[in-house]
Protein backbone atom coordinates (compact mmCIF):
# COMPACT_ATOMS: atom_id res chain seq x y z
CA MET A 1 98.48 125.54 113.59
CA GLU A 2 100.41 127.36 110.86
CA ILE A 3 101.27 124.02 109.22
CA PHE A 4 97.59 123.04 109.36
CA TYR A 5 96.63 126.14 107.37
CA TRP A 6 99.33 125.39 104.79
CA ILE A 7 98.05 121.83 104.48
CA LEU A 8 94.41 122.87 104.22
CA GLY A 9 95.13 125.72 101.82
CA ALA A 10 97.32 123.63 99.52
CA SER A 11 94.82 120.75 99.32
CA VAL A 12 91.84 123.06 98.69
CA PHE A 13 93.76 125.13 96.14
CA GLY A 14 94.76 121.97 94.28
CA GLY A 15 91.13 120.86 94.05
CA VAL A 16 89.98 124.26 92.77
CA LEU A 17 92.81 124.42 90.25
CA SER A 18 92.02 120.96 88.88
CA LEU A 19 88.35 121.89 88.42
CA ILE A 20 89.34 124.91 86.32
CA GLY A 21 90.84 122.49 83.80
CA GLY A 22 87.55 120.59 83.66
CA PHE A 23 85.51 123.77 83.18
CA LEU A 24 87.80 124.75 80.30
CA LEU A 25 87.00 121.44 78.61
CA LEU A 26 83.25 122.10 78.88
CA TYR A 27 83.45 125.54 77.31
CA LYS A 28 86.72 125.57 75.31
CA GLU A 29 87.30 121.92 74.46
CA ASN A 30 89.91 122.36 71.72
CA PHE A 31 91.95 124.80 73.79
CA ALA A 32 91.72 122.63 76.91
CA ARG A 33 92.90 119.51 75.10
CA ARG A 34 95.84 121.35 73.51
CA ALA A 35 96.83 122.96 76.80
CA SER A 36 96.54 119.66 78.68
CA LEU A 37 99.43 118.15 76.67
CA TYR A 38 101.77 120.90 77.89
CA LEU A 39 100.45 120.61 81.43
CA ILE A 40 101.03 116.85 81.32
CA SER A 41 104.63 117.39 80.22
CA PHE A 42 105.21 119.87 83.04
CA ALA A 43 103.53 117.47 85.48
CA VAL A 44 105.92 114.67 84.44
CA GLY A 45 108.88 116.86 85.34
CA ALA A 46 107.30 118.07 88.59
CA LEU A 47 106.40 114.56 89.73
CA LEU A 48 109.81 113.10 88.89
CA GLY A 49 111.57 116.11 90.38
CA ALA A 50 109.58 115.84 93.61
CA ALA A 51 110.21 112.09 93.82
CA PHE A 52 113.96 112.06 93.08
CA PHE A 53 115.07 115.41 94.52
CA ASP A 54 112.75 115.78 97.51
CA LEU A 55 110.82 112.72 98.69
CA ILE A 56 113.50 110.06 98.26
CA PRO A 57 116.43 112.12 99.67
CA GLU A 58 114.25 113.19 102.61
CA ALA A 59 113.18 109.59 103.25
CA LEU A 60 116.80 108.39 103.19
CA GLU A 61 117.90 111.17 105.52
CA LEU A 62 115.12 110.50 108.05
CA ALA A 63 115.41 106.71 107.91
CA GLY A 64 119.20 106.53 107.80
CA LEU A 65 121.34 104.81 105.20
CA GLU A 66 121.21 101.56 107.15
CA LYS A 67 117.55 101.31 106.15
CA LYS A 68 118.05 102.26 102.52
CA ASN A 69 116.88 98.82 101.31
CA LEU A 70 113.58 99.31 103.14
CA VAL A 71 113.23 102.80 101.64
CA PHE A 72 113.82 101.56 98.08
CA GLY A 73 111.58 98.56 98.69
CA LEU A 74 108.74 100.88 99.70
CA ILE A 75 109.32 103.03 96.62
CA LEU A 76 108.86 99.90 94.52
CA SER A 77 105.83 98.94 96.63
CA GLY A 78 104.21 102.31 95.94
CA PHE A 79 104.83 101.86 92.22
CA LEU A 80 103.34 98.35 92.15
CA THR A 81 100.43 99.21 94.46
CA LEU A 82 99.20 101.90 92.09
CA PHE A 83 99.59 99.50 89.18
CA ILE A 84 97.41 96.92 90.97
CA PHE A 85 94.88 99.58 92.00
CA GLU A 86 94.48 100.78 88.42
CA LYS A 87 94.14 97.20 87.21
CA LEU A 88 91.34 96.52 89.72
CA LEU A 89 89.66 99.83 88.92
CA ARG A 90 89.57 99.14 85.19
CA TRP A 91 88.52 95.51 85.51
CA HIS A 92 84.80 95.07 84.98
CA HIS A 93 82.63 92.46 83.31
CA CYS A 94 80.99 93.48 80.06
CA HIS A 95 79.44 91.18 77.46
CA ASP A 96 79.40 93.82 74.72
CA GLU A 97 82.46 96.05 75.00
CA LYS A 98 81.32 98.58 72.40
CA GLU A 99 77.87 98.89 73.94
CA CYS A 100 78.90 99.50 77.53
CA GLU A 101 82.45 100.90 77.30
CA PHE A 102 81.64 104.48 78.34
CA TYR A 103 78.53 103.77 80.40
CA SER A 104 80.26 101.33 82.71
CA ILE A 105 83.45 103.32 83.09
CA GLY A 106 81.70 106.48 84.33
CA PRO A 107 81.23 105.35 87.98
CA LEU A 108 84.77 103.90 87.95
CA VAL A 109 86.18 107.28 86.90
CA ILE A 110 84.30 109.04 89.71
CA PHE A 111 85.36 106.50 92.33
CA GLY A 112 88.96 106.40 91.11
CA ASP A 113 89.17 110.20 91.05
CA ALA A 114 87.87 110.45 94.62
CA ILE A 115 90.42 107.89 95.89
CA HIS A 116 93.20 109.53 93.88
CA ASN A 117 92.38 112.97 95.33
CA PHE A 118 92.26 111.54 98.86
CA ILE A 119 95.75 110.05 98.41
CA ASP A 120 96.98 113.39 97.02
CA GLY A 121 95.70 115.07 100.18
CA VAL A 122 97.52 112.55 102.36
CA ILE A 123 100.79 113.10 100.46
CA ILE A 124 100.46 116.89 100.73
CA ALA A 125 99.88 116.67 104.49
CA LEU A 126 102.76 114.23 105.08
CA SER A 127 105.13 116.43 103.07
CA PHE A 128 104.24 119.58 105.03
CA LEU A 129 104.72 117.66 108.28
CA VAL A 130 108.36 117.15 107.26
CA SER A 131 109.09 120.71 106.10
CA LEU A 132 107.55 123.69 104.33
CA PRO A 133 109.77 123.37 101.19
CA LEU A 134 108.91 119.67 100.83
CA GLY A 135 105.22 120.42 101.26
CA ILE A 136 105.28 123.11 98.58
CA ALA A 137 107.26 120.90 96.17
CA ALA A 138 104.86 117.96 96.65
CA SER A 139 101.86 120.27 96.27
CA LEU A 140 103.19 121.66 92.98
CA ALA A 141 103.65 118.13 91.65
CA VAL A 142 100.09 117.27 92.67
CA PHE A 143 98.60 120.48 91.21
CA PHE A 144 100.12 120.06 87.77
CA HIS A 145 99.11 116.45 87.28
CA GLU A 146 95.59 117.04 88.63
CA VAL A 147 94.64 119.65 86.00
CA PRO A 148 95.13 117.43 82.90
CA GLN A 149 93.64 114.49 84.81
CA GLU A 150 90.44 116.45 85.45
CA ILE A 151 90.29 117.48 81.79
CA GLY A 152 90.40 113.80 80.87
CA ASP A 153 87.82 112.83 83.52
CA PHE A 154 85.40 115.54 82.40
CA GLY A 155 85.73 114.29 78.82
CA VAL A 156 85.06 110.65 79.74
CA LEU A 157 81.97 111.54 81.81
CA ILE A 158 80.54 113.76 79.05
CA HIS A 159 80.95 110.89 76.56
CA ALA A 160 79.38 108.54 79.09
CA GLY A 161 76.14 110.55 78.83
CA TYR A 162 76.42 112.69 81.99
CA SER A 163 74.93 116.19 81.76
CA ARG A 164 77.27 119.15 82.23
CA ALA A 165 75.66 119.98 85.57
CA LYS A 166 76.14 116.42 86.82
CA VAL A 167 79.75 116.30 85.61
CA ILE A 168 80.50 119.52 87.51
CA LEU A 169 78.73 118.28 90.66
CA VAL A 170 80.44 114.89 90.86
CA ASN A 171 83.85 116.43 90.21
CA ILE A 172 83.36 119.06 92.90
CA LEU A 173 82.40 116.31 95.35
CA SER A 174 85.36 114.11 94.39
CA SER A 175 87.76 117.07 94.70
CA LEU A 176 86.67 117.50 98.34
CA THR A 177 88.35 114.21 99.20
CA ALA A 178 91.77 115.91 98.82
CA PRO A 179 91.31 118.31 101.78
CA LEU A 180 89.56 115.47 103.62
CA GLY A 181 92.61 113.24 103.25
CA ALA A 182 94.92 116.12 104.21
CA VAL A 183 92.95 117.08 107.34
CA ILE A 184 92.59 113.49 108.55
CA THR A 185 96.33 112.93 108.07
CA TYR A 186 97.14 116.10 110.03
CA PHE A 187 94.98 115.16 113.01
CA ILE A 188 96.30 111.62 113.22
CA SER A 189 99.86 112.77 112.46
CA PRO A 190 101.30 111.31 115.71
CA ILE A 191 100.72 107.90 114.12
CA PHE A 192 102.79 108.92 111.11
CA ILE A 193 105.65 110.87 112.70
CA GLU A 194 107.95 107.92 113.43
CA ARG A 195 107.07 106.31 110.10
CA LEU A 196 107.33 109.44 107.93
CA PRO A 197 110.34 108.26 105.89
CA TYR A 198 108.47 105.11 104.90
CA PHE A 199 105.32 106.97 103.85
CA LEU A 200 107.45 109.41 101.87
CA SER A 201 109.16 106.47 100.14
CA PHE A 202 105.78 104.98 99.25
CA ALA A 203 104.58 108.37 97.96
CA ALA A 204 107.69 108.65 95.78
CA GLY A 205 106.77 105.31 94.18
CA LEU A 206 103.28 106.66 93.45
CA PHE A 207 104.70 109.81 91.83
CA ILE A 208 107.12 107.80 89.66
CA TYR A 209 104.33 105.47 88.55
CA ILE A 210 101.99 108.33 87.57
CA ALA A 211 104.74 110.10 85.61
CA ALA A 212 106.17 107.03 83.90
CA THR A 213 103.11 104.93 83.11
CA ASP A 214 100.14 107.32 83.01
CA LEU A 215 101.51 110.61 81.71
CA LEU A 216 104.56 109.85 79.51
CA PRO A 217 102.71 107.29 77.32
CA HIS A 218 99.98 109.91 76.77
CA ILE A 219 102.61 112.37 75.50
CA HIS A 220 104.06 109.73 73.16
CA ARG A 221 100.62 108.92 71.75
CA HIS A 222 99.64 112.52 71.04
CA THR A 223 102.89 114.11 69.85
CA LYS A 224 105.20 113.53 66.91
CA PRO A 225 108.48 111.69 67.61
CA SER A 226 110.40 114.71 66.27
CA ASN A 227 108.68 117.11 68.71
CA LEU A 228 111.25 117.73 71.45
CA PHE A 229 109.51 120.80 72.85
CA HIS A 230 107.76 118.61 75.42
CA LEU A 231 111.17 117.47 76.68
CA PHE A 232 111.96 121.13 77.34
CA ILE A 233 108.71 121.48 79.33
CA ILE A 234 109.50 118.30 81.33
CA VAL A 235 112.87 119.82 82.25
CA LEU A 236 111.06 123.03 83.28
CA GLY A 237 108.87 120.93 85.57
CA ILE A 238 111.97 119.41 87.19
CA LEU A 239 113.59 122.85 87.54
CA SER A 240 110.45 124.21 89.21
CA ILE A 241 110.86 121.66 92.00
CA LEU A 242 114.58 122.41 92.34
CA GLY A 243 113.68 126.11 92.43
CA VAL A 244 111.48 125.58 95.47
CA GLY A 245 114.43 124.06 97.33
CA ILE A 246 116.66 127.01 96.38
CA LEU A 247 114.12 129.70 97.28
CA LEU A 248 112.94 127.96 100.46
CA PRO A 249 115.91 126.13 101.96
CA GLU A 250 115.21 124.06 105.07
């Protein structure tokens, strides 16, 4: 049961932490938006570090080198699946784009956030089922990309005409899907045990996609080309994941 408490605690803590970023936007918008850029940079490093130094090596070790092609194929599948999911989520019919841009995207943001949080919970649970260090590393990667994501979601919903109270309510409800996904995964874990390396491979593809296509372009758009400080923060994110492995060896 100790692993269950780690899984539950990590998934709940991640949801609470992400909501703090949203609350900051409501009451300290300028500060929240400035801070989110640094959090995004750290999240890029944490996600890439978790994918390349934890999830992929663990998947290869559990699956065996003879199945390396399957492992790398599933990494690519995870990458492409999230690309397709985001395409479907953003696709909607609208005769007047300017008139309905924010109004129509509000429900999509809520739905997408709920699904995203659920998947985060699943990844956290799967990682803890392998080992405590892997679980902590994956949780850190999830935490740091959730905070800037919630800041962005809060901003979109406010501009879509939602009241502050409604924005807070829907984000609290969507954050509950993370522990839901984690708990469900734990209780049906016998289904996953033999297939853990393949789920870890798929999760690595998701992490790489989020870092490379969602977060890095945002940094490029909102920082000057000469600003290399964000590179330093990305490296710090990577080192934080490596630090978990050093402090908590398997």
